[in-house]
Protein backbone atom coordinates (compact mmCIF):
# COMPACT_ATOMS: atom_id res chain seq x y z
CA MET A 1 32.48 3.50 -9.45
CA GLU A 2 31.00 6.36 -11.45
CA ILE A 3 27.99 5.68 -13.67
CA ILE A 4 25.45 7.64 -15.67
CA LEU A 5 21.83 6.84 -14.88
CA THR A 6 19.69 5.98 -17.90
CA LYS A 7 16.48 5.69 -15.85
CA ASP A 8 15.16 7.53 -12.81
CA ILE A 9 16.08 5.70 -9.62
CA LYS A 10 14.49 7.00 -6.41
CA ALA A 11 17.55 6.44 -4.24
CA LEU A 12 20.08 7.81 -6.75
CA GLY A 13 18.50 10.47 -8.95
CA GLU A 14 17.11 11.22 -12.38
CA ALA A 15 18.22 9.88 -15.73
CA GLY A 16 21.34 11.56 -17.09
CA LYS A 17 22.82 12.19 -13.66
CA LEU A 18 26.42 11.21 -12.98
CA VAL A 19 26.56 9.31 -9.68
CA LYS A 20 29.09 7.34 -7.70
CA VAL A 21 27.97 3.92 -6.44
CA LYS A 22 29.61 0.80 -5.09
CA PRO A 23 31.08 -1.35 -7.89
CA GLY A 24 29.04 -4.44 -6.96
CA TYR A 25 25.77 -2.49 -7.08
CA ALA A 26 26.68 -1.13 -10.49
CA ARG A 27 27.94 -4.42 -11.98
CA ASN A 28 25.29 -6.70 -10.51
CA TYR A 29 22.17 -4.55 -10.69
CA LEU A 30 22.30 -1.17 -12.43
CA LEU A 31 24.31 -2.05 -15.54
CA PRO A 32 22.73 -5.46 -16.37
CA ASN A 33 19.19 -4.08 -15.95
CA GLY A 34 19.85 -1.07 -18.17
CA PHE A 35 19.42 1.48 -15.38
CA ALA A 36 22.89 2.94 -15.94
CA ILE A 37 25.93 2.98 -18.20
CA PRO A 38 29.61 3.30 -17.20
CA ALA A 39 30.92 6.87 -16.97
CA SER A 40 33.46 6.64 -19.80
CA PRO A 41 34.54 9.74 -21.77
CA LYS A 42 32.46 8.51 -24.73
CA ASN A 43 29.36 8.06 -22.54
CA LEU A 44 29.87 11.39 -20.75
CA SER A 45 29.36 13.12 -24.09
CA LYS A 46 25.94 11.40 -24.35
CA ILE A 47 24.51 12.83 -21.11
CA GLU A 48 22.30 15.39 -22.87
CA GLU A 49 21.01 12.73 -25.25
CA ILE A 50 20.21 10.45 -22.29
CA LYS A 51 18.37 13.30 -20.54
CA LYS A 52 16.28 13.97 -23.67
CA ILE A 53 15.35 10.30 -24.09
CA ALA A 54 14.44 10.09 -20.40
CA ALA A 55 12.28 13.23 -20.68
CA ASP A 56 10.41 11.73 -23.65
CA GLU A 57 9.84 8.50 -21.69
CA LYS A 58 8.60 10.52 -18.70
CA ILE A 59 6.03 12.30 -20.87
CA ALA A 60 4.74 8.98 -22.19
CA LEU A 61 4.61 7.46 -18.70
CA TYR A 62 2.96 10.58 -17.30
CA GLY A 63 0.05 10.11 -19.71
CA LYS A 64 -0.23 6.42 -18.83
CA TYR A 65 -0.14 7.12 -15.10
CA LYS A 66 -2.75 9.87 -15.48
CA GLU A 67 -5.12 7.35 -17.13
CA VAL A 68 -4.57 4.89 -14.28
CA ILE A 69 -5.20 7.62 -11.69
CA ASP A 70 -8.47 8.49 -13.43
CA LYS A 71 -9.51 4.81 -13.24
CA ILE A 72 -8.60 4.59 -9.55
CA GLU A 73 -10.57 7.72 -8.56
CA GLY A 74 -13.67 6.65 -6.66
CA VAL A 75 -12.72 2.97 -6.48
CA GLU A 76 -13.38 1.21 -3.18
CA LEU A 77 -11.79 -2.11 -2.37
CA THR A 78 -13.45 -4.44 0.11
CA PHE A 79 -11.64 -7.29 1.79
CA ILE A 80 -13.39 -9.92 3.90
CA ARG A 81 -11.09 -11.34 6.57
CA ARG A 82 -11.33 -13.36 9.76
CA ALA A 83 -10.89 -11.36 12.94
CA ASP A 84 -10.97 -11.83 16.69
CA GLU A 85 -13.53 -10.24 19.01
CA ASN A 86 -11.35 -7.09 19.24
CA ASN A 87 -11.51 -6.62 15.44
CA HIS A 88 -7.85 -7.54 14.96
CA LEU A 89 -7.36 -9.52 11.77
CA PHE A 90 -5.88 -12.98 11.62
CA GLY A 91 -3.32 -11.94 9.01
CA SER A 92 -3.35 -8.58 7.23
CA VAL A 93 -4.10 -6.69 4.03
CA SER A 94 -0.83 -6.00 2.21
CA GLU A 95 0.37 -4.20 -0.89
CA ASN A 96 0.01 -7.44 -2.86
CA ASP A 97 -3.64 -7.74 -1.85
CA ILE A 98 -4.34 -4.21 -3.08
CA VAL A 99 -2.52 -4.82 -6.39
CA LYS A 100 -4.52 -8.04 -6.95
CA ALA A 101 -7.84 -6.37 -6.07
CA LEU A 102 -7.14 -3.51 -8.48
CA ALA A 103 -6.12 -6.02 -11.18
CA GLU A 104 -9.54 -7.67 -10.79
CA LYS A 105 -11.01 -4.26 -11.66
CA GLU A 106 -8.67 -4.13 -14.69
CA ILE A 107 -6.39 -1.51 -13.13
CA GLU A 108 -2.75 -2.55 -13.42
CA ILE A 109 -0.22 -1.13 -10.97
CA HIS A 110 3.00 -2.39 -9.39
CA LYS A 111 3.49 -3.32 -5.76
CA ALA A 112 6.09 -0.54 -5.46
CA ASP A 113 3.40 2.04 -6.35
CA VAL A 114 1.36 1.19 -3.23
CA VAL A 115 2.49 3.32 -0.29
CA MET A 116 1.73 1.76 3.10
CA GLU A 117 3.59 2.41 6.34
CA LYS A 118 2.46 -0.99 7.60
CA HIS A 119 0.02 -3.70 6.62
CA LEU A 120 -3.61 -3.18 7.60
CA LYS A 121 -4.43 -5.44 10.54
CA GLU A 122 -7.78 -4.17 11.81
CA VAL A 123 -11.38 -4.06 10.64
CA GLY A 124 -12.42 -0.65 9.29
CA SER A 125 -12.03 1.82 6.43
CA PHE A 126 -8.64 3.12 5.36
CA GLU A 127 -7.12 5.37 2.69
CA VAL A 128 -4.14 3.79 0.93
CA ASN A 129 -1.94 6.01 -1.21
CA ILE A 130 -0.90 5.04 -4.72
CA SER A 131 2.17 6.97 -5.87
CA PHE A 132 3.61 6.71 -9.38
CA THR A 133 5.89 9.74 -9.12
CA SER A 134 6.31 12.48 -6.55
CA ASP A 135 3.65 14.61 -8.26
CA LEU A 136 1.33 11.82 -9.48
CA THR A 137 -0.41 10.30 -6.49
CA THR A 138 -3.92 9.25 -5.59
CA ALA A 139 -5.64 7.28 -2.87
CA VAL A 140 -7.92 4.26 -2.89
CA LYS A 141 -10.44 3.54 -0.16
CA VAL A 142 -9.95 0.13 1.45
CA ASN A 143 -12.72 -1.42 3.54
CA ILE A 144 -11.97 -4.43 5.69
CA ASP A 145 -14.99 -6.39 6.90
CA VAL A 146 -15.30 -9.47 9.07
CA GLU A 147 -16.40 -12.86 7.72
CA ASN A 148 -20.06 -13.67 8.53
CA ASP A 149 -19.16 -16.47 10.96
CA ASP A 150 -16.94 -14.08 12.86
CA VAL A 151 -19.63 -11.38 12.92
CA THR A 152 -22.09 -13.87 14.38
CA LYS A 153 -19.58 -14.88 17.06
CA ILE A 154 -18.81 -11.26 17.92
CA VAL A 155 -22.52 -10.38 18.16
CA GLU A 156 -23.14 -13.47 20.31
CA ASN A 157 -20.25 -12.50 22.61
CA ILE A 158 -21.65 -8.98 22.96
CA GLU A 159 -25.13 -10.34 23.71
CA VAL A 160 -23.74 -12.78 26.30
CA LYS A 161 -21.80 -9.97 28.00
CA GLN A 162 -24.89 -7.74 28.01
CA ASN A 163 -26.98 -10.57 29.48
CA GLU A 164 -24.35 -11.22 32.13
CA ASP A 165 -24.27 -7.51 33.00
CA THR A 166 -28.08 -7.40 33.20
CA GLU A 167 -28.19 -10.52 35.39
CA THR A 168 -25.50 -9.10 37.66
CA GLU A 169 -27.43 -5.84 38.04
CA GLU A 170 -30.65 -7.72 38.81
CA GLU A 171 -28.89 -9.82 41.44
CA GLU A 172 -27.39 -6.71 43.03
CA ASN A 173 -30.80 -5.02 43.09
CA GLU A 174 -32.37 -8.11 44.72
CA GLU A 175 -29.61 -8.18 47.36
CA GLU A 176 -30.14 -4.49 48.11
CA GLN A 177 -33.88 -5.03 48.46
CA THR A 178 -33.30 -8.00 50.76
CA GLU A 179 -30.92 -5.96 52.92
CA ASN A 180 -33.37 -3.05 53.09
CA GLU A 181 -36.20 -5.29 54.36
């Protein structure tokens, strides 16, 4: 089925473009949500008008996105999570977590704007990209720290291992001295 896009769709193209899609996709998603109109002769004559309207909307959105990018610059998000002794999280930090944390700082973005290859599952500092359009992107610094109880356990485990290593070395030294005598 041929349709004319009324909004930019990443997988299909920009507004005003004539594209061919499966009928179910057009009828069930694109047409009801106002992302496209059927490619009738009457609508084909409106392509230039659709492109102009889309360009005006892009300019307005560009300004809005630029303001959001300015707010995001320099923002650091810190998440406190439980982790094992190898610093692997029980759970992860996802796109939703980043959206919620930014909302707490009065920065509104959509989950789709957060670009992550995979959820963050380790303790540390990370850069997470925020992309509104192909040319409007920024990054936010995400710090993941361990809960205090977990830090205490990890430190205790390290101390125990160090003590065990020290005791083992002392025992070996004593055995060597005994053998040498």
